[in-house]
Amino acid sequence: QVQLVESGGGLVQAGGSLRVSCAASGLAFSSYNMGWFRQAPGKEREFVAAISRSGANTYYGDSVKGRFTISRVNAQNTVSLQMASLKPEDTAVYYCAADRGLVRVTAAGYDYWGQGTQVNVSS
């Protein structure tokens, strides 16, 4: 059974930093591209970042480019998102997702999803 379990969410002040991580099990982790998405109340799920199987290629949404960094450790079956210079508009539930096919910047096509971790940024 495939499981993606996010952790590390919480409350942080604007301008601060936070790191969220995703632990994967039940799949050949290094065979999957990984992505982070977020969803705020009343809004559609938004692409945040993605990373290729080897970690050589990374992609970011325009709203987080230059502030967030995605990374992975295949030996530990984990993918992380380091978030800096956080803004109140970064408040959302953050989800990790796994895709055996292409590196995607849209939610459609990802094979597996975690349950999400809440990130709140106060002004």
PDB file of N, CA and C in Angstrom:
ATOM      1  N   GLN A   1       0.841  -1.188   0.000  1.00  0.00           N
ATOM      2  CA  GLN A   1       0.000   0.000   0.000  1.00  0.00           C
ATOM      3  C   GLN A   1       0.883   1.247   0.000  1.00  0.00           C
ATOM      4  N   VAL A   2       0.615   2.118  -0.949  1.00  0.00           N
ATOM      5  CA  VAL A   2       1.399   3.342  -1.055  1.00  0.00           C
ATOM      6  C   VAL A   2       0.923   4.351  -0.027  1.00  0.00           C
ATOM      7  N   GLN A   3       1.882   4.940   0.667  1.00  0.00           N
ATOM      8  CA  GLN A   3       1.566   6.011   1.611  1.00  0.00           C
ATOM      9  C   GLN A   3       2.527   7.165   1.418  1.00  0.00           C
ATOM     10  N   LEU A   4       1.968   8.360   1.395  1.00  0.00           N
ATOM     11  CA  LEU A   4       2.745   9.594   1.414  1.00  0.00           C
ATOM     12  C   LEU A   4       2.292  10.357   2.644  1.00  0.00           C
ATOM     13  N   VAL A   5       3.208  10.622   3.550  1.00  0.00           N
ATOM     14  CA  VAL A   5       2.854  11.256   4.817  1.00  0.00           C
ATOM     15  C   VAL A   5       3.643  12.544   4.970  1.00  0.00           C
ATOM     16  N   GLU A   6       2.913  13.648   4.949  1.00  0.00           N
ATOM     17  CA  GLU A   6       3.534  14.955   5.114  1.00  0.00           C
ATOM     18  C   GLU A   6       3.699  15.295   6.591  1.00  0.00           C
ATOM     19  N   SER A   7       4.708  16.087   6.887  1.00  0.00           N
ATOM     20  CA  SER A   7       4.934  16.566   8.246  1.00  0.00           C
ATOM     21  C   SER A   7       5.635  17.908   8.195  1.00  0.00           C
ATOM     22  N   GLY A   8       5.646  18.597   9.322  1.00  0.00           N
ATOM     23  CA  GLY A   8       6.403  19.832   9.434  1.00  0.00           C
ATOM     24  C   GLY A   8       5.603  21.103   9.304  1.00  0.00           C
ATOM     25  N   GLY A   9       4.311  20.988   9.052  1.00  0.00           N
ATOM     26  CA  GLY A   9       3.507  22.186   8.966  1.00  0.00           C
ATOM     27  C   GLY A   9       3.367  22.861  10.316  1.00  0.00           C
ATOM     28  N   GLY A  10       2.826  24.070  10.310  1.00  0.00           N
ATOM     29  CA  GLY A  10       2.631  24.789  11.554  1.00  0.00           C
ATOM     30  C   GLY A  10       2.375  26.249  11.309  1.00  0.00           C
ATOM     31  N   LEU A  11       2.542  27.026  12.376  1.00  0.00           N
ATOM     32  CA  LEU A  11       2.305  28.463  12.338  1.00  0.00           C
ATOM     33  C   LEU A  11       3.639  29.189  12.350  1.00  0.00           C
ATOM     34  N   VAL A  12       3.787  30.144  11.454  1.00  0.00           N
ATOM     35  CA  VAL A  12       5.021  30.922  11.368  1.00  0.00           C
ATOM     36  C   VAL A  12       4.658  32.357  11.027  1.00  0.00           C
ATOM     37  N   GLN A  13       5.475  33.275  11.460  1.00  0.00           N
ATOM     38  CA  GLN A  13       5.242  34.685  11.146  1.00  0.00           C
ATOM     39  C   GLN A  13       5.717  35.010   9.731  1.00  0.00           C
ATOM     40  N   ALA A  14       5.110  36.004   9.166  1.00  0.00           N
ATOM     41  CA  ALA A  14       5.529  36.461   7.848  1.00  0.00           C
ATOM     42  C   ALA A  14       7.010  36.808   7.869  1.00  0.00           C
ATOM     43  N   GLY A  15       7.691  36.395   6.805  1.00  0.00           N
ATOM     44  CA  GLY A  15       9.133  36.590   6.724  1.00  0.00           C
ATOM     45  C   GLY A  15       9.937  35.427   7.265  1.00  0.00           C
ATOM     46  N   GLY A  16       9.270  34.526   7.938  1.00  0.00           N
ATOM     47  CA  GLY A  16       9.949  33.384   8.528  1.00  0.00           C
ATOM     48  C   GLY A  16      10.128  32.235   7.555  1.00  0.00           C
ATOM     49  N   SER A  17      10.653  31.139   8.094  1.00  0.00           N
ATOM     50  CA  SER A  17      10.944  29.953   7.299  1.00  0.00           C
ATOM     51  C   SER A  17      10.305  28.726   7.926  1.00  0.00           C
ATOM     52  N   LEU A  18      10.058  27.746   7.081  1.00  0.00           N
ATOM     53  CA  LEU A  18       9.479  26.486   7.538  1.00  0.00           C
ATOM     54  C   LEU A  18       9.869  25.412   6.542  1.00  0.00           C
ATOM     55  N   ARG A  19      10.040  24.199   7.045  1.00  0.00           N
ATOM     56  CA  ARG A  19      10.379  23.068   6.175  1.00  0.00           C
ATOM     57  C   ARG A  19       9.318  21.999   6.347  1.00  0.00           C
ATOM     58  N   VAL A  20       8.705  21.601   5.263  1.00  0.00           N
ATOM     59  CA  VAL A  20       7.771  20.488   5.283  1.00  0.00           C
ATOM     60  C   VAL A  20       8.399  19.314   4.548  1.00  0.00           C
ATOM     61  N   SER A  21       8.087  18.127   5.022  1.00  0.00           N
ATOM     62  CA  SER A  21       8.665  16.920   4.437  1.00  0.00           C
ATOM     63  C   SER A  21       7.581  15.902   4.141  1.00  0.00           C
ATOM     64  N   CYS A  22       7.922  14.959   3.285  1.00  0.00           N
ATOM     65  CA  CYS A  22       6.994  13.912   2.895  1.00  0.00           C
ATOM     66  C   CYS A  22       7.747  12.586   2.903  1.00  0.00           C
ATOM     67  N   ALA A  23       7.254  11.648   3.676  1.00  0.00           N
ATOM     68  CA  ALA A  23       7.851  10.317   3.744  1.00  0.00           C
ATOM     69  C   ALA A  23       7.011   9.361   2.915  1.00  0.00           C
ATOM     70  N   ALA A  24       7.650   8.673   2.000  1.00  0.00           N
ATOM     71  CA  ALA A  24       6.951   7.753   1.104  1.00  0.00           C
ATOM     72  C   ALA A  24       7.234   6.308   1.476  1.00  0.00           C
ATOM     73  N   SER A  25       6.233   5.474   1.317  1.00  0.00           N
ATOM     74  CA  SER A  25       6.407   4.041   1.540  1.00  0.00           C
ATOM     75  C   SER A  25       5.506   3.275   0.585  1.00  0.00           C
ATOM     76  N   GLY A  26       5.876   2.023   0.317  1.00  0.00           N
ATOM     77  CA  GLY A  26       5.049   1.186  -0.539  1.00  0.00           C
ATOM     78  C   GLY A  26       5.234   1.407  -2.024  1.00  0.00           C
ATOM     79  N   LEU A  27       6.241   2.159  -2.399  1.00  0.00           N
ATOM     80  CA  LEU A  27       6.519   2.383  -3.829  1.00  0.00           C
ATOM     81  C   LEU A  27       8.017   2.503  -4.030  1.00  0.00           C
ATOM     82  N   ALA A  28       8.430   2.294  -5.279  1.00  0.00           N
ATOM     83  CA  ALA A  28       9.841   2.447  -5.630  1.00  0.00           C
ATOM     84  C   ALA A  28      10.118   3.938  -5.777  1.00  0.00           C
ATOM     85  N   PHE A  29      10.476   4.555  -4.698  1.00  0.00           N
ATOM     86  CA  PHE A  29      10.506   6.018  -4.609  1.00  0.00           C
ATOM     87  C   PHE A  29      11.353   6.646  -5.709  1.00  0.00           C
ATOM     88  N   SER A  30      12.494   6.082  -5.996  1.00  0.00           N
ATOM     89  CA  SER A  30      13.388   6.687  -6.974  1.00  0.00           C
ATOM     90  C   SER A  30      12.853   6.592  -8.404  1.00  0.00           C
ATOM     91  N   SER A  31      11.757   5.861  -8.589  1.00  0.00           N
ATOM     92  CA  SER A  31      11.134   5.755  -9.909  1.00  0.00           C
ATOM     93  C   SER A  31      10.057   6.809 -10.122  1.00  0.00           C
ATOM     94  N   TYR A  32       9.816   7.619  -9.127  1.00  0.00           N
ATOM     95  CA  TYR A  32       8.730   8.599  -9.185  1.00  0.00           C
ATOM     96  C   TYR A  32       9.268  10.030  -9.151  1.00  0.00           C
ATOM     97  N   ASN A  33       8.713  10.844 -10.026  1.00  0.00           N
ATOM     98  CA  ASN A  33       8.861  12.278  -9.882  1.00  0.00           C
ATOM     99  C   ASN A  33       7.958  12.707  -8.733  1.00  0.00           C
ATOM    100  N   MET A  34       8.379  13.723  -8.000  1.00  0.00           N
ATOM    101  CA  MET A  34       7.610  14.161  -6.841  1.00  0.00           C
ATOM    102  C   MET A  34       7.218  15.628  -6.974  1.00  0.00           C
ATOM    103  N   GLY A  35       6.053  15.941  -6.451  1.00  0.00           N
ATOM    104  CA  GLY A  35       5.591  17.315  -6.521  1.00  0.00           C
ATOM    105  C   GLY A  35       5.005  17.773  -5.199  1.00  0.00           C
ATOM    106  N   TRP A  36       4.983  19.078  -5.021  1.00  0.00           N
ATOM    107  CA  TRP A  36       4.286  19.711  -3.902  1.00  0.00           C
ATOM    108  C   TRP A  36       3.215  20.630  -4.491  1.00  0.00           C
ATOM    109  N   PHE A  37       2.044  20.537  -3.916  1.00  0.00           N
ATOM    110  CA  PHE A  37       0.935  21.398  -4.275  1.00  0.00           C
ATOM    111  C   PHE A  37       0.375  21.996  -2.988  1.00  0.00           C
ATOM    112  N   ARG A  38      -0.421  23.028  -3.138  1.00  0.00           N
ATOM    113  CA  ARG A  38      -1.076  23.614  -1.962  1.00  0.00           C
ATOM    114  C   ARG A  38      -2.484  24.041  -2.325  1.00  0.00           C
ATOM    115  N   GLN A  39      -3.306  24.083  -1.306  1.00  0.00           N
ATOM    116  CA  GLN A  39      -4.684  24.500  -1.516  1.00  0.00           C
ATOM    117  C   GLN A  39      -5.142  25.336  -0.332  1.00  0.00           C
ATOM    118  N   ALA A  40      -5.553  26.546  -0.624  1.00  0.00           N
ATOM    119  CA  ALA A  40      -6.101  27.445   0.379  1.00  0.00           C
ATOM    120  C   ALA A  40      -7.621  27.345   0.339  1.00  0.00           C
ATOM    121  N   PRO A  41      -8.285  27.707   1.430  1.00  0.00           N
ATOM    122  CA  PRO A  41      -9.749  27.618   1.463  1.00  0.00           C
ATOM    123  C   PRO A  41     -10.388  28.400   0.330  1.00  0.00           C
ATOM    124  N   GLY A  42     -11.281  27.748  -0.382  1.00  0.00           N
ATOM    125  CA  GLY A  42     -12.002  28.402  -1.460  1.00  0.00           C
ATOM    126  C   GLY A  42     -11.217  28.563  -2.747  1.00  0.00           C
ATOM    127  N   LYS A  43     -10.019  28.007  -2.790  1.00  0.00           N
ATOM    128  CA  LYS A  43      -9.190  28.146  -3.986  1.00  0.00           C
ATOM    129  C   LYS A  43      -8.858  26.774  -4.564  1.00  0.00           C
ATOM    130  N   GLU A  44      -8.462  26.783  -5.809  1.00  0.00           N
ATOM    131  CA  GLU A  44      -8.065  25.537  -6.458  1.00  0.00           C
ATOM    132  C   GLU A  44      -6.670  25.112  -5.989  1.00  0.00           C
ATOM    133  N   ARG A  45      -6.409  23.814  -6.164  1.00  0.00           N
ATOM    134  CA  ARG A  45      -5.091  23.316  -5.809  1.00  0.00           C
ATOM    135  C   ARG A  45      -4.059  23.940  -6.744  1.00  0.00           C
ATOM    136  N   GLU A  46      -2.968  24.407  -6.171  1.00  0.00           N
ATOM    137  CA  GLU A  46      -1.957  25.175  -6.906  1.00  0.00           C
ATOM    138  C   GLU A  46      -0.621  24.438  -6.907  1.00  0.00           C
ATOM    139  N   PHE A  47       0.020  24.413  -8.052  1.00  0.00           N
ATOM    140  CA  PHE A  47       1.347  23.820  -8.165  1.00  0.00           C
ATOM    141  C   PHE A  47       2.367  24.680  -7.407  1.00  0.00           C
ATOM    142  N   VAL A  48       3.208  24.021  -6.617  1.00  0.00           N
ATOM    143  CA  VAL A  48       4.249  24.717  -5.866  1.00  0.00           C
ATOM    144  C   VAL A  48       5.629  24.380  -6.419  1.00  0.00           C
ATOM    145  N   ALA A  49       5.944  23.090  -6.466  1.00  0.00           N
ATOM    146  CA  ALA A  49       7.273  22.676  -6.914  1.00  0.00           C
ATOM    147  C   ALA A  49       7.242  21.213  -7.313  1.00  0.00           C
ATOM    148  N   ALA A  50       8.194  20.836  -8.153  1.00  0.00           N
ATOM    149  CA  ALA A  50       8.342  19.431  -8.545  1.00  0.00           C
ATOM    150  C   ALA A  50       9.817  19.130  -8.717  1.00  0.00           C
ATOM    151  N   ILE A  51      10.133  17.844  -8.585  1.00  0.00           N
ATOM    152  CA  ILE A  51      11.519  17.408  -8.701  1.00  0.00           C
ATOM    153  C   ILE A  51      11.550  16.080  -9.441  1.00  0.00           C
ATOM    154  N   SER A  52      12.527  15.933 -10.301  1.00  0.00           N
ATOM    155  CA  SER A  52      12.646  14.717 -11.089  1.00  0.00           C
ATOM    156  C   SER A  52      13.157  13.553 -10.247  1.00  0.00           C
ATOM    157  N   ARG A  53      13.126  12.378 -10.827  1.00  0.00           N
ATOM    158  CA  ARG A  53      13.471  11.157 -10.098  1.00  0.00           C
ATOM    159  C   ARG A  53      14.845  11.217  -9.433  1.00  0.00           C
ATOM    160  N   SER A  54      15.798  11.739 -10.164  1.00  0.00           N
ATOM    161  CA  SER A  54      17.162  11.787  -9.640  1.00  0.00           C
ATOM    162  C   SER A  54      17.425  13.018  -8.789  1.00  0.00           C
ATOM    163  N   GLY A  55      16.537  13.974  -8.894  1.00  0.00           N
ATOM    164  CA  GLY A  55      16.731  15.251  -8.208  1.00  0.00           C
ATOM    165  C   GLY A  55      17.482  16.270  -9.038  1.00  0.00           C
ATOM    166  N   ALA A  56      17.844  15.896 -10.247  1.00  0.00           N
ATOM    167  CA  ALA A  56      18.655  16.794 -11.076  1.00  0.00           C
ATOM    168  C   ALA A  56      17.872  17.986 -11.585  1.00  0.00           C
ATOM    169  N   ASN A  57      16.557  17.815 -11.742  1.00  0.00           N
ATOM    170  CA  ASN A  57      15.729  18.880 -12.306  1.00  0.00           C
ATOM    171  C   ASN A  57      14.632  19.279 -11.332  1.00  0.00           C
ATOM    172  N   THR A  58      14.485  20.573 -11.141  1.00  0.00           N
ATOM    173  CA  THR A  58      13.450  21.105 -10.261  1.00  0.00           C
ATOM    174  C   THR A  58      12.644  22.173 -10.993  1.00  0.00           C
ATOM    175  N   TYR A  59      11.413  22.331 -10.569  1.00  0.00           N
ATOM    176  CA  TYR A  59      10.484  23.255 -11.195  1.00  0.00           C
ATOM    177  C   TYR A  59       9.692  23.940 -10.089  1.00  0.00           C
ATOM    178  N   TYR A  60       9.359  25.212 -10.308  1.00  0.00           N
ATOM    179  CA  TYR A  60       8.669  25.975  -9.284  1.00  0.00           C
ATOM    180  C   TYR A  60       7.532  26.787  -9.879  1.00  0.00           C
ATOM    181  N   GLY A  61       6.503  26.972  -9.070  1.00  0.00           N
ATOM    182  CA  GLY A  61       5.449  27.891  -9.452  1.00  0.00           C
ATOM    183  C   GLY A  61       5.953  29.321  -9.341  1.00  0.00           C
ATOM    184  N   ASP A  62       5.367  30.200 -10.130  1.00  0.00           N
ATOM    185  CA  ASP A  62       5.843  31.577 -10.168  1.00  0.00           C
ATOM    186  C   ASP A  62       5.738  32.256  -8.805  1.00  0.00           C
ATOM    187  N   SER A  63       4.728  31.913  -8.030  1.00  0.00           N
ATOM    188  CA  SER A  63       4.503  32.599  -6.760  1.00  0.00           C
ATOM    189  C   SER A  63       5.526  32.217  -5.690  1.00  0.00           C
ATOM    190  N   VAL A  64       6.269  31.133  -5.899  1.00  0.00           N
ATOM    191  CA  VAL A  64       7.223  30.696  -4.874  1.00  0.00           C
ATOM    192  C   VAL A  64       8.664  30.697  -5.375  1.00  0.00           C
ATOM    193  N   LYS A  65       8.837  30.976  -6.641  1.00  0.00           N
ATOM    194  CA  LYS A  65      10.171  30.930  -7.224  1.00  0.00           C
ATOM    195  C   LYS A  65      11.106  31.886  -6.493  1.00  0.00           C
ATOM    196  N   GLY A  66      12.276  31.376  -6.117  1.00  0.00           N
ATOM    197  CA  GLY A  66      13.243  32.190  -5.400  1.00  0.00           C
ATOM    198  C   GLY A  66      13.077  32.171  -3.901  1.00  0.00           C
ATOM    199  N   ARG A  67      11.965  31.622  -3.416  1.00  0.00           N
ATOM    200  CA  ARG A  67      11.717  31.562  -1.962  1.00  0.00           C
ATOM    201  C   ARG A  67      11.666  30.126  -1.452  1.00  0.00           C
ATOM    202  N   PHE A  68      11.199  29.204  -2.278  1.00  0.00           N
ATOM    203  CA  PHE A  68      11.047  27.804  -1.871  1.00  0.00           C
ATOM    204  C   PHE A  68      12.081  26.951  -2.596  1.00  0.00           C
ATOM    205  N   THR A  69      12.495  25.871  -1.933  1.00  0.00           N
ATOM    206  CA  THR A  69      13.437  24.927  -2.522  1.00  0.00           C
ATOM    207  C   THR A  69      12.959  23.504  -2.267  1.00  0.00           C
ATOM    208  N   ILE A  70      12.824  22.747  -3.332  1.00  0.00           N
ATOM    209  CA  ILE A  70      12.432  21.342  -3.213  1.00  0.00           C
ATOM    210  C   ILE A  70      13.681  20.473  -3.293  1.00  0.00           C
ATOM    211  N   SER A  71      13.699  19.409  -2.509  1.00  0.00           N
ATOM    212  CA  SER A  71      14.829  18.485  -2.532  1.00  0.00           C
ATOM    213  C   SER A  71      14.322  17.088  -2.188  1.00  0.00           C
ATOM    214  N   ARG A  72      15.138  16.097  -2.472  1.00  0.00           N
ATOM    215  CA  ARG A  72      14.753  14.720  -2.155  1.00  0.00           C
ATOM    216  C   ARG A  72      15.986  13.923  -1.766  1.00  0.00           C
ATOM    217  N   VAL A  73      15.753  12.898  -0.954  1.00  0.00           N
ATOM    218  CA  VAL A  73      16.789  11.944  -0.589  1.00  0.00           C
ATOM    219  C   VAL A  73      16.232  10.567  -0.892  1.00  0.00           C
ATOM    220  N   ASN A  74      16.643  10.014  -1.999  1.00  0.00           N
ATOM    221  CA  ASN A  74      16.078   8.742  -2.435  1.00  0.00           C
ATOM    222  C   ASN A  74      16.396   7.609  -1.464  1.00  0.00           C
ATOM    223  N   ALA A  75      17.534   7.656  -0.847  1.00  0.00           N
ATOM    224  CA  ALA A  75      17.915   6.603   0.102  1.00  0.00           C
ATOM    225  C   ALA A  75      17.006   6.597   1.322  1.00  0.00           C
ATOM    226  N   GLN A  76      16.348   7.729   1.590  1.00  0.00           N
ATOM    227  CA  GLN A  76      15.461   7.844   2.750  1.00  0.00           C
ATOM    228  C   GLN A  76      13.996   7.940   2.349  1.00  0.00           C
ATOM    229  N   ASN A  77      13.730   7.850   1.047  1.00  0.00           N
ATOM    230  CA  ASN A  77      12.343   7.929   0.549  1.00  0.00           C
ATOM    231  C   ASN A  77      11.624   9.192   1.023  1.00  0.00           C
ATOM    232  N   THR A  78      12.342  10.307   0.988  1.00  0.00           N
ATOM    233  CA  THR A  78      11.742  11.555   1.446  1.00  0.00           C
ATOM    234  C   THR A  78      11.928  12.678   0.425  1.00  0.00           C
ATOM    235  N   VAL A  79      10.961  13.552   0.396  1.00  0.00           N
ATOM    236  CA  VAL A  79      11.039  14.777  -0.381  1.00  0.00           C
ATOM    237  C   VAL A  79      10.657  15.920   0.554  1.00  0.00           C
ATOM    238  N   SER A  80      11.364  17.028   0.441  1.00  0.00           N
ATOM    239  CA  SER A  80      11.149  18.152   1.348  1.00  0.00           C
ATOM    240  C   SER A  80      10.950  19.438   0.577  1.00  0.00           C
ATOM    241  N   LEU A  81      10.341  20.374   1.260  1.00  0.00           N
ATOM    242  CA  LEU A  81      10.131  21.705   0.698  1.00  0.00           C
ATOM    243  C   LEU A  81      10.578  22.704   1.753  1.00  0.00           C
ATOM    244  N   GLN A  82      11.673  23.381   1.471  1.00  0.00           N
ATOM    245  CA  GLN A  82      12.169  24.431   2.358  1.00  0.00           C
ATOM    246  C   GLN A  82      11.550  25.749   1.911  1.00  0.00           C
ATOM    247  N   MET A  83      10.828  26.383   2.828  1.00  0.00           N
ATOM    248  CA  MET A  83      10.109  27.605   2.501  1.00  0.00           C
ATOM    249  C   MET A  83      10.712  28.770   3.271  1.00  0.00           C
ATOM    250  N   ALA A  84      11.045  29.830   2.572  1.00  0.00           N
ATOM    251  CA  ALA A  84      11.633  31.009   3.188  1.00  0.00           C
ATOM    252  C   ALA A  84      10.847  32.251   2.770  1.00  0.00           C
ATOM    253  N   SER A  85      11.091  33.329   3.493  1.00  0.00           N
ATOM    254  CA  SER A  85      10.405  34.604   3.206  1.00  0.00           C
ATOM    255  C   SER A  85       8.906  34.383   3.063  1.00  0.00           C
ATOM    256  N   LEU A  86       8.348  33.664   4.006  1.00  0.00           N
ATOM    257  CA  LEU A  86       6.939  33.291   3.908  1.00  0.00           C
ATOM    258  C   LEU A  86       6.027  34.505   3.999  1.00  0.00           C
ATOM    259  N   LYS A  87       4.918  34.424   3.285  1.00  0.00           N
ATOM    260  CA  LYS A  87       3.930  35.487   3.224  1.00  0.00           C
ATOM    261  C   LYS A  87       2.586  34.936   3.682  1.00  0.00           C
ATOM    262  N   PRO A  88       1.699  35.793   4.158  1.00  0.00           N
ATOM    263  CA  PRO A  88       0.371  35.304   4.553  1.00  0.00           C
ATOM    264  C   PRO A  88      -0.342  34.544   3.433  1.00  0.00           C
ATOM    265  N   GLU A  89      -0.097  34.932   2.190  1.00  0.00           N
ATOM    266  CA  GLU A  89      -0.743  34.250   1.069  1.00  0.00           C
ATOM    267  C   GLU A  89      -0.181  32.850   0.816  1.00  0.00           C
ATOM    268  N   ASP A  90       0.866  32.470   1.536  1.00  0.00           N
ATOM    269  CA  ASP A  90       1.368  31.093   1.459  1.00  0.00           C
ATOM    270  C   ASP A  90       0.570  30.145   2.355  1.00  0.00           C
ATOM    271  N   THR A  91      -0.332  30.695   3.155  1.00  0.00           N
ATOM    272  CA  THR A  91      -1.171  29.879   4.026  1.00  0.00           C
ATOM    273  C   THR A  91      -2.026  28.926   3.204  1.00  0.00           C
ATOM    274  N   ALA A  92      -1.910  27.637   3.512  1.00  0.00           N
ATOM    275  CA  ALA A  92      -2.626  26.612   2.748  1.00  0.00           C
ATOM    276  C   ALA A  92      -2.321  25.245   3.348  1.00  0.00           C
ATOM    277  N   VAL A  93      -3.044  24.251   2.868  1.00  0.00           N
ATOM    278  CA  VAL A  93      -2.672  22.869   3.124  1.00  0.00           C
ATOM    279  C   VAL A  93      -1.696  22.455   2.023  1.00  0.00           C
ATOM    280  N   TYR A  94      -0.573  21.921   2.421  1.00  0.00           N
ATOM    281  CA  TYR A  94       0.473  21.519   1.472  1.00  0.00           C
ATOM    282  C   TYR A  94       0.446  20.001   1.306  1.00  0.00           C
ATOM    283  N   TYR A  95       0.393  19.575   0.047  1.00  0.00           N
ATOM    284  CA  TYR A  95       0.302  18.163  -0.296  1.00  0.00           C
ATOM    285  C   TYR A  95       1.530  17.736  -1.099  1.00  0.00           C
ATOM    286  N   CYS A  96       2.029  16.545  -0.829  1.00  0.00           N
ATOM    287  CA  CYS A  96       3.025  15.982  -1.731  1.00  0.00           C
ATOM    288  C   CYS A  96       2.333  14.938  -2.605  1.00  0.00           C
ATOM    289  N   ALA A  97       2.912  14.715  -3.761  1.00  0.00           N
ATOM    290  CA  ALA A  97       2.328  13.805  -4.737  1.00  0.00           C
ATOM    291  C   ALA A  97       3.437  13.107  -5.511  1.00  0.00           C
ATOM    292  N   ALA A  98       3.115  11.909  -5.993  1.00  0.00           N
ATOM    293  CA  ALA A  98       4.084  11.088  -6.721  1.00  0.00           C
ATOM    294  C   ALA A  98       3.559  10.771  -8.114  1.00  0.00           C
ATOM    295  N   ASP A  99       4.444  10.858  -9.100  1.00  0.00           N
ATOM    296  CA  ASP A  99       4.065  10.640 -10.495  1.00  0.00           C
ATOM    297  C   ASP A  99       5.106   9.747 -11.159  1.00  0.00           C
ATOM    298  N   ARG A 100       4.672   8.606 -11.657  1.00  0.00           N
ATOM    299  CA  ARG A 100       5.601   7.684 -12.296  1.00  0.00           C
ATOM    300  C   ARG A 100       5.914   8.095 -13.737  1.00  0.00           C
ATOM    301  N   GLY A 101       5.113   9.006 -14.272  1.00  0.00           N
ATOM    302  CA  GLY A 101       5.322   9.403 -15.666  1.00  0.00           C
ATOM    303  C   GLY A 101       6.194  10.624 -15.796  1.00  0.00           C
ATOM    304  N   LEU A 102       5.571  11.696 -16.254  1.00  0.00           N
ATOM    305  CA  LEU A 102       6.313  12.919 -16.513  1.00  0.00           C
ATOM    306  C   LEU A 102       6.446  13.741 -15.234  1.00  0.00           C
ATOM    307  N   VAL A 103       7.337  14.722 -15.266  1.00  0.00           N
ATOM    308  CA  VAL A 103       7.367  15.726 -14.210  1.00  0.00           C
ATOM    309  C   VAL A 103       6.274  16.723 -14.559  1.00  0.00           C
ATOM    310  N   ARG A 104       5.249  16.778 -13.744  1.00  0.00           N
ATOM    311  CA  ARG A 104       4.073  17.579 -14.082  1.00  0.00           C
ATOM    312  C   ARG A 104       3.973  18.809 -13.187  1.00  0.00           C
ATOM    313  N   VAL A 105       3.424  19.867 -13.764  1.00  0.00           N
ATOM    314  CA  VAL A 105       3.166  21.087 -12.992  1.00  0.00           C
ATOM    315  C   VAL A 105       1.675  21.282 -12.782  1.00  0.00           C
ATOM    316  N   THR A 106       0.892  20.287 -13.150  1.00  0.00           N
ATOM    317  CA  THR A 106      -0.539  20.298 -12.875  1.00  0.00           C
ATOM    318  C   THR A 106      -0.876  19.081 -12.037  1.00  0.00           C
ATOM    319  N   ALA A 107      -1.938  19.203 -11.251  1.00  0.00           N
ATOM    320  CA  ALA A 107      -2.300  18.129 -10.339  1.00  0.00           C
ATOM    321  C   ALA A 107      -2.755  16.865 -11.064  1.00  0.00           C
ATOM    322  N   ALA A 108      -3.417  17.056 -12.191  1.00  0.00           N
ATOM    323  CA  ALA A 108      -3.920  15.912 -12.947  1.00  0.00           C
ATOM    324  C   ALA A 108      -2.762  15.053 -13.431  1.00  0.00           C
ATOM    325  N   GLY A 109      -2.872  13.773 -13.201  1.00  0.00           N
ATOM    326  CA  GLY A 109      -1.849  12.854 -13.664  1.00  0.00           C
ATOM    327  C   GLY A 109      -0.976  12.290 -12.568  1.00  0.00           C
ATOM    328  N   TYR A 110      -0.941  12.946 -11.417  1.00  0.00           N
ATOM    329  CA  TYR A 110      -0.171  12.384 -10.310  1.00  0.00           C
ATOM    330  C   TYR A 110      -0.863  11.121  -9.813  1.00  0.00           C
ATOM    331  N   ASP A 111      -0.064  10.126  -9.520  1.00  0.00           N
ATOM    332  CA  ASP A 111      -0.620   8.821  -9.172  1.00  0.00           C
ATOM    333  C   ASP A 111      -1.038   8.710  -7.706  1.00  0.00           C
ATOM    334  N   TYR A 112      -0.269   9.324  -6.822  1.00  0.00           N
ATOM    335  CA  TYR A 112      -0.537   9.191  -5.391  1.00  0.00           C
ATOM    336  C   TYR A 112      -0.418  10.542  -4.709  1.00  0.00           C
ATOM    337  N   TRP A 113      -1.226  10.695  -3.664  1.00  0.00           N
ATOM    338  CA  TRP A 113      -1.273  11.944  -2.897  1.00  0.00           C
ATOM    339  C   TRP A 113      -1.214  11.661  -1.418  1.00  0.00           C
ATOM    340  N   GLY A 114      -0.585  12.580  -0.675  1.00  0.00           N
ATOM    341  CA  GLY A 114      -0.647  12.528   0.762  1.00  0.00           C
ATOM    342  C   GLY A 114      -1.887  13.222   1.287  1.00  0.00           C
ATOM    343  N   GLN A 115      -2.033  13.225   2.591  1.00  0.00           N
ATOM    344  CA  GLN A 115      -3.202  13.818   3.231  1.00  0.00           C
ATOM    345  C   GLN A 115      -3.038  15.309   3.473  1.00  0.00           C
ATOM    346  N   GLY A 116      -1.825  15.798   3.403  1.00  0.00           N
ATOM    347  CA  GLY A 116      -1.590  17.222   3.530  1.00  0.00           C
ATOM    348  C   GLY A 116      -1.145  17.639   4.925  1.00  0.00           C
ATOM    349  N   THR A 117      -0.467  18.780   4.979  1.00  0.00           N
ATOM    350  CA  THR A 117      -0.065  19.377   6.246  1.00  0.00           C
ATOM    351  C   THR A 117      -0.363  20.874   6.166  1.00  0.00           C
ATOM    352  N   GLN A 118      -0.918  21.399   7.239  1.00  0.00           N
ATOM    353  CA  GLN A 118      -1.366  22.796   7.254  1.00  0.00           C
ATOM    354  C   GLN A 118      -0.204  23.730   7.557  1.00  0.00           C
ATOM    355  N   VAL A 119      -0.085  24.760   6.743  1.00  0.00           N
ATOM    356  CA  VAL A 119       0.890  25.830   6.979  1.00  0.00           C
ATOM    357  C   VAL A 119       0.124  27.134   7.121  1.00  0.00           C
ATOM    358  N   ASN A 120       0.339  27.808   8.219  1.00  0.00           N
ATOM    359  CA  ASN A 120      -0.297  29.099   8.473  1.00  0.00           C
ATOM    360  C   ASN A 120       0.778  30.154   8.657  1.00  0.00           C
ATOM    361  N   VAL A 121       0.652  31.226   7.903  1.00  0.00           N
ATOM    362  CA  VAL A 121       1.600  32.332   7.985  1.00  0.00           C
ATOM    363  C   VAL A 121       0.852  33.554   8.493  1.00  0.00           C
ATOM    364  N   SER A 122       1.252  34.052   9.633  1.00  0.00           N
ATOM    365  CA  SER A 122       0.573  35.212  10.229  1.00  0.00           C
ATOM    366  C   SER A 122       1.270  36.500   9.802  1.00  0.00           C
ATOM    367  N   SER A 123       0.456  37.549   9.686  1.00  0.00           N
ATOM    368  CA  SER A 123       0.999  38.843   9.250  1.00  0.00           C
ATOM    369  C   SER A 123       1.505  39.658  10.423  1.00  0.00           C
TER     370      SER A 123
END
